[in-house]
Amino acid sequence: MCRGFCYLCRVVEYSQKSEMTSSRK
């Protein structure tokens, strides 16, 4: 569970970063 949560958190963070970069670009 913790592992899945950590993975999900990372995915969400990555998605947000990617979105921010895309929006900025």
PDB file of N, CA and C in Angstrom:
ATOM      1  N   MET A   1       0.854  -1.199   0.000  1.00  0.00           N
ATOM      2  CA  MET A   1       0.000   0.000   0.000  1.00  0.00           C
ATOM      3  C   MET A   1       0.894   1.256   0.000  1.00  0.00           C
ATOM      4  N   CYS A   2       1.827   1.267   0.933  1.00  0.00           N
ATOM      5  CA  CYS A   2       2.697   2.449   1.009  1.00  0.00           C
ATOM      6  C   CYS A   2       3.440   2.631  -0.318  1.00  0.00           C
ATOM      7  N   ARG A   3       3.898   1.515  -0.853  1.00  0.00           N
ATOM      8  CA  ARG A   3       4.642   1.592  -2.111  1.00  0.00           C
ATOM      9  C   ARG A   3       3.722   2.175  -3.193  1.00  0.00           C
ATOM     10  N   GLY A   4       2.528   1.669  -3.296  1.00  0.00           N
ATOM     11  CA  GLY A   4       1.587   2.165  -4.309  1.00  0.00           C
ATOM     12  C   GLY A   4       1.321   3.647  -4.107  1.00  0.00           C
ATOM     13  N   PHE A   5       1.146   4.030  -2.843  1.00  0.00           N
ATOM     14  CA  PHE A   5       0.875   5.440  -2.546  1.00  0.00           C
ATOM     15  C   PHE A   5       2.048   6.307  -2.998  1.00  0.00           C
ATOM     16  N   CYS A   6       3.244   5.855  -2.648  1.00  0.00           N
ATOM     17  CA  CYS A   6       4.448   6.619  -3.035  1.00  0.00           C
ATOM     18  C   CYS A   6       4.492   6.745  -4.559  1.00  0.00           C
ATOM     19  N   TYR A   7       4.203   5.634  -5.228  1.00  0.00           N
ATOM     20  CA  TYR A   7       4.224   5.655  -6.706  1.00  0.00           C
ATOM     21  C   TYR A   7       3.202   6.649  -7.232  1.00  0.00           C
ATOM     22  N   LEU A   8       2.015   6.590  -6.659  1.00  0.00           N
ATOM     23  CA  LEU A   8       0.948   7.495  -7.104  1.00  0.00           C
ATOM     24  C   LEU A   8       1.379   8.943  -6.875  1.00  0.00           C
ATOM     25  N   CYS A   9       1.935   9.180  -5.681  1.00  0.00           N
ATOM     26  CA  CYS A   9       2.376  10.546  -5.362  1.00  0.00           C
ATOM     27  C   CYS A   9       3.377  11.011  -6.405  1.00  0.00           C
ATOM     28  N   ARG A  10       4.313  10.128  -6.740  1.00  0.00           N
ATOM     29  CA  ARG A  10       5.351  10.502  -7.715  1.00  0.00           C
ATOM     30  C   ARG A  10       4.704  10.791  -9.056  1.00  0.00           C
ATOM     31  N   VAL A  11       3.769   9.961  -9.457  1.00  0.00           N
ATOM     32  CA  VAL A  11       3.110  10.148 -10.758  1.00  0.00           C
ATOM     33  C   VAL A  11       2.383  11.489 -10.777  1.00  0.00           C
ATOM     34  N   VAL A  12       1.681  11.776  -9.703  1.00  0.00           N
ATOM     35  CA  VAL A  12       0.931  13.041  -9.634  1.00  0.00           C
ATOM     36  C   VAL A  12       1.901  14.219  -9.708  1.00  0.00           C
ATOM     37  N   GLU A  13       2.975  14.106  -8.930  1.00  0.00           N
ATOM     38  CA  GLU A  13       3.952  15.209  -8.921  1.00  0.00           C
ATOM     39  C   GLU A  13       4.531  15.383 -10.321  1.00  0.00           C
ATOM     40  N   TYR A  14       4.867  14.266 -10.956  1.00  0.00           N
ATOM     41  CA  TYR A  14       5.449  14.326 -12.306  1.00  0.00           C
ATOM     42  C   TYR A  14       4.446  14.965 -13.273  1.00  0.00           C
ATOM     43  N   SER A  15       3.194  14.556 -13.131  1.00  0.00           N
ATOM     44  CA  SER A  15       2.148  15.092 -14.018  1.00  0.00           C
ATOM     45  C   SER A  15       2.046  16.604 -13.824  1.00  0.00           C
ATOM     46  N   GLN A  16       2.021  17.023 -12.574  1.00  0.00           N
ATOM     47  CA  GLN A  16       1.906  18.459 -12.297  1.00  0.00           C
ATOM     48  C   GLN A  16       3.100  19.202 -12.895  1.00  0.00           C
ATOM     49  N   LYS A  17       4.299  18.649 -12.698  1.00  0.00           N
ATOM     50  CA  LYS A  17       5.510  19.296 -13.236  1.00  0.00           C
ATOM     51  C   LYS A  17       5.400  19.394 -14.755  1.00  0.00           C
ATOM     52  N   SER A  18       4.994  18.313 -15.371  1.00  0.00           N
ATOM     53  CA  SER A  18       4.892  18.285 -16.832  1.00  0.00           C
ATOM     54  C   SER A  18       3.855  19.318 -17.279  1.00  0.00           C
ATOM     55  N   GLU A  19       2.752  19.364 -16.565  1.00  0.00           N
ATOM     56  CA  GLU A  19       1.696  20.318 -16.947  1.00  0.00           C
ATOM     57  C   GLU A  19       2.222  21.745 -16.819  1.00  0.00           C
ATOM     58  N   MET A  20       2.896  22.020 -15.734  1.00  0.00           N
ATOM     59  CA  MET A  20       3.441  23.366 -15.517  1.00  0.00           C
ATOM     60  C   MET A  20       4.400  23.733 -16.654  1.00  0.00           C
ATOM     61  N   THR A  21       5.264  22.797 -16.990  1.00  0.00           N
ATOM     62  CA  THR A  21       6.226  23.047 -18.062  1.00  0.00           C
ATOM     63  C   THR A  21       5.484  23.299 -19.376  1.00  0.00           C
ATOM     64  N   SER A  22       4.495  22.464 -19.645  1.00  0.00           N
ATOM     65  CA  SER A  22       3.746  22.604 -20.903  1.00  0.00           C
ATOM     66  C   SER A  22       3.044  23.964 -20.924  1.00  0.00           C
ATOM     67  N   SER A  23       2.410  24.291 -19.818  1.00  0.00           N
ATOM     68  CA  SER A  23       1.670  25.552 -19.748  1.00  0.00           C
ATOM     69  C   SER A  23       2.642  26.722 -19.947  1.00  0.00           C
ATOM     70  N   ARG A  24       3.790  26.624 -19.286  1.00  0.00           N
ATOM     71  CA  ARG A  24       4.766  27.707 -19.386  1.00  0.00           C
ATOM     72  C   ARG A  24       5.259  27.823 -20.835  1.00  0.00           C
ATOM     73  N   LYS A  25       5.487  26.670 -21.425  1.00  0.00           N
ATOM     74  CA  LYS A  25       5.982  26.671 -22.799  1.00  0.00           C
ATOM     75  C   LYS A  25       4.871  27.225 -23.693  1.00  0.00           C
TER      76      LYS A  25
END
